[in-house]
Amino acid sequence: MPDPFTVTITLAQDGAAPPTQEGAAAPGAAGTTAPAQPAGGGSAAAPMGGSEFIWIMLVAVGAMILFSILGQRKERKKREALINTVKKHDRVQTIGGVIGSVVEVKPNTVVLKVDESSNTRITFSRSAIQQVLDSSPDAAAPAAAP
């Protein structure tokens, strides 16, 4: 009688039957089931050829590059529109985190008033503007009269 506390573990199989012990049933014997094998002994699906894989990868990489370029172009247009719409009295935030009110708009620069009490003004490049926080009151829609 085999020892009831002995366990046999087969870690890797290369298609050969696992070793049997005395008194143990052989694979495929009565009372046991053998794993189903595909017809012809081969694998269930034929492996993909190298040329098909290369074409699929080229198409995938091309699509990623195309979407990346289109996304960057869209973001660039959006940013240019933001920078071009900045006008006097807009409250803006720069890429450095400085928040101020636009005092003067020049072709390449913007002068921001950052402190009301000391009348501190800082000149920034127009491209340093990250977002417009509040639009100027003259550009806002007029309120309905009571």
Protein backbone atom coordinates (compact mmCIF):
# COMPACT_ATOMS: atom_id res chain seq x y z
CA MET A 1 0.00 0.00 0.00
CA PRO A 2 1.44 3.40 -0.94
CA ASP A 3 2.12 5.91 1.79
CA PRO A 4 -1.00 8.17 2.12
CA PHE A 5 1.14 11.22 2.95
CA THR A 6 3.34 11.06 -0.15
CA VAL A 7 2.40 13.54 -2.85
CA THR A 8 3.83 13.46 -6.36
CA ILE A 9 3.82 16.73 -8.27
CA THR A 10 4.74 16.94 -11.93
CA LEU A 11 5.77 20.50 -12.77
CA ALA A 12 6.36 20.27 -16.49
CA GLN A 13 5.09 17.83 -19.04
CA ASP A 14 6.27 17.32 -22.54
CA GLY A 15 3.38 15.17 -23.64
CA ALA A 16 4.68 12.06 -21.89
CA ALA A 17 2.55 10.30 -19.33
CA PRO A 18 3.39 11.13 -15.71
CA PRO A 19 5.30 8.46 -13.81
CA THR A 20 3.09 5.90 -12.14
CA GLN A 21 3.50 4.16 -8.82
CA GLU A 22 2.71 0.62 -7.97
CA GLY A 23 -1.01 0.21 -7.54
CA ALA A 24 -1.80 3.59 -9.13
CA ALA A 25 -4.00 3.61 -12.19
CA ALA A 26 -2.36 4.49 -15.50
CA PRO A 27 -3.72 7.47 -17.41
CA GLY A 28 -6.64 6.53 -19.56
CA ALA A 29 -7.37 3.47 -17.43
CA ALA A 30 -10.83 2.71 -16.14
CA GLY A 31 -12.14 5.37 -13.78
CA THR A 32 -9.82 8.14 -15.02
CA THR A 33 -10.16 10.54 -17.88
CA ALA A 34 -7.41 11.62 -20.23
CA PRO A 35 -7.28 15.22 -21.51
CA ALA A 36 -8.79 15.65 -24.95
CA GLN A 37 -6.22 15.93 -27.73
CA PRO A 38 -6.96 17.72 -31.00
CA ALA A 39 -7.29 15.60 -34.09
CA GLY A 40 -3.95 14.88 -35.72
CA GLY A 41 -2.00 15.47 -32.52
CA GLY A 42 -1.27 19.11 -33.46
CA SER A 43 -2.32 22.28 -31.74
CA ALA A 44 -5.89 23.56 -31.98
CA ALA A 45 -5.00 26.74 -33.92
CA ALA A 46 -2.23 27.21 -36.43
CA PRO A 47 0.36 29.76 -35.29
CA MET A 48 0.35 33.11 -37.05
CA GLY A 49 3.06 33.59 -39.64
CA GLY A 50 5.77 36.19 -39.11
CA SER A 51 4.74 38.43 -42.01
CA GLU A 52 1.14 38.82 -40.80
CA PHE A 53 2.36 39.74 -37.32
CA ILE A 54 4.75 42.37 -38.70
CA TRP A 55 1.97 43.97 -40.78
CA ILE A 56 -0.39 44.07 -37.81
CA MET A 57 2.29 45.68 -35.64
CA LEU A 58 3.14 48.26 -38.35
CA VAL A 59 -0.53 49.23 -38.68
CA ALA A 60 -0.89 49.51 -34.88
CA VAL A 61 2.24 51.69 -34.54
CA GLY A 62 1.13 53.85 -37.49
CA ALA A 63 -2.30 54.38 -35.91
CA MET A 64 -0.72 55.38 -32.58
CA ILE A 65 1.55 57.91 -34.29
CA LEU A 66 -1.35 59.33 -36.33
CA PHE A 67 -3.59 59.78 -33.27
CA SER A 68 -0.72 61.35 -31.34
CA ILE A 69 -0.06 63.92 -34.07
CA LEU A 70 -3.75 64.76 -34.46
CA GLY A 71 -4.16 65.18 -30.70
CA GLN A 72 -1.15 67.49 -30.47
CA ARG A 73 -2.42 69.60 -33.36
CA LYS A 74 -5.83 69.98 -31.69
CA GLU A 75 -4.25 71.02 -28.36
CA ARG A 76 -1.95 73.52 -30.11
CA LYS A 77 -4.89 75.20 -31.89
CA LYS A 78 -6.83 75.38 -28.62
CA ARG A 79 -3.86 76.99 -26.84
CA GLU A 80 -3.26 79.52 -29.62
CA ALA A 81 -6.93 80.52 -29.50
CA LEU A 82 -6.66 81.02 -25.72
CA ILE A 83 -3.55 83.19 -26.03
CA ASN A 84 -5.04 85.25 -28.87
CA THR A 85 -8.24 86.02 -26.93
CA VAL A 86 -6.45 87.48 -23.88
CA LYS A 87 -7.38 91.14 -23.47
CA LYS A 88 -7.07 93.95 -20.98
CA HIS A 89 -8.71 93.40 -17.54
CA ASP A 90 -8.80 89.60 -17.91
CA ARG A 91 -7.76 87.71 -14.81
CA VAL A 92 -5.22 85.05 -15.83
CA GLN A 93 -2.92 82.43 -14.36
CA THR A 94 0.59 81.84 -15.70
CA ILE A 95 2.39 78.52 -16.01
CA GLY A 96 4.39 79.52 -12.93
CA GLY A 97 1.22 79.90 -10.88
CA VAL A 98 1.17 83.71 -10.78
CA ILE A 99 -2.37 85.09 -10.86
CA GLY A 100 -2.97 88.63 -11.98
CA SER A 101 -5.04 91.03 -14.00
CA VAL A 102 -3.94 91.96 -17.54
CA VAL A 103 -2.97 95.63 -17.70
CA GLU A 104 -1.37 95.77 -21.12
CA VAL A 105 -1.28 93.39 -24.10
CA LYS A 106 1.63 93.63 -26.54
CA PRO A 107 2.33 91.40 -29.56
CA ASN A 108 4.67 89.04 -27.67
CA THR A 109 4.23 90.03 -24.03
CA VAL A 110 1.56 90.67 -21.43
CA VAL A 111 1.85 92.95 -18.39
CA LEU A 112 0.04 91.62 -15.31
CA LYS A 113 -0.89 93.55 -12.20
CA VAL A 114 -0.36 91.06 -9.37
CA ASP A 115 -0.82 93.25 -6.27
CA GLU A 116 -3.39 96.01 -5.93
CA SER A 117 -1.95 97.65 -2.79
CA SER A 118 1.59 98.14 -4.08
CA ASN A 119 0.61 98.30 -7.78
CA THR A 120 3.11 95.53 -8.63
CA ARG A 121 3.30 94.75 -12.34
CA ILE A 122 5.14 91.87 -13.98
CA THR A 123 5.80 91.35 -17.68
CA PHE A 124 5.32 87.83 -19.04
CA SER A 125 5.57 86.23 -22.43
CA ARG A 126 2.13 85.60 -23.93
CA SER A 127 2.95 81.91 -24.11
CA ALA A 128 3.33 81.85 -20.31
CA ILE A 129 -0.42 82.25 -19.85
CA GLN A 130 -1.91 78.94 -18.78
CA GLN A 131 -5.57 79.84 -18.40
CA VAL A 132 -8.02 82.71 -18.25
CA LEU A 133 -9.75 82.70 -14.85
CA ASP A 134 -12.20 85.58 -15.36
CA SER A 135 -12.92 87.37 -18.60
CA SER A 136 -13.04 91.16 -18.65
CA PRO A 137 -16.39 92.76 -17.74
CA ASP A 138 -16.76 94.50 -21.09
CA ALA A 139 -16.63 91.14 -22.90
CA ALA A 140 -19.22 89.53 -20.64
CA ALA A 141 -22.79 89.30 -21.78
CA PRO A 142 -24.86 92.27 -20.59
CA ALA A 143 -27.15 91.52 -17.68
CA ALA A 144 -30.89 91.82 -18.17
CA ALA A 145 -32.26 95.17 -16.99
CA PRO A 146 -34.86 95.02 -14.16
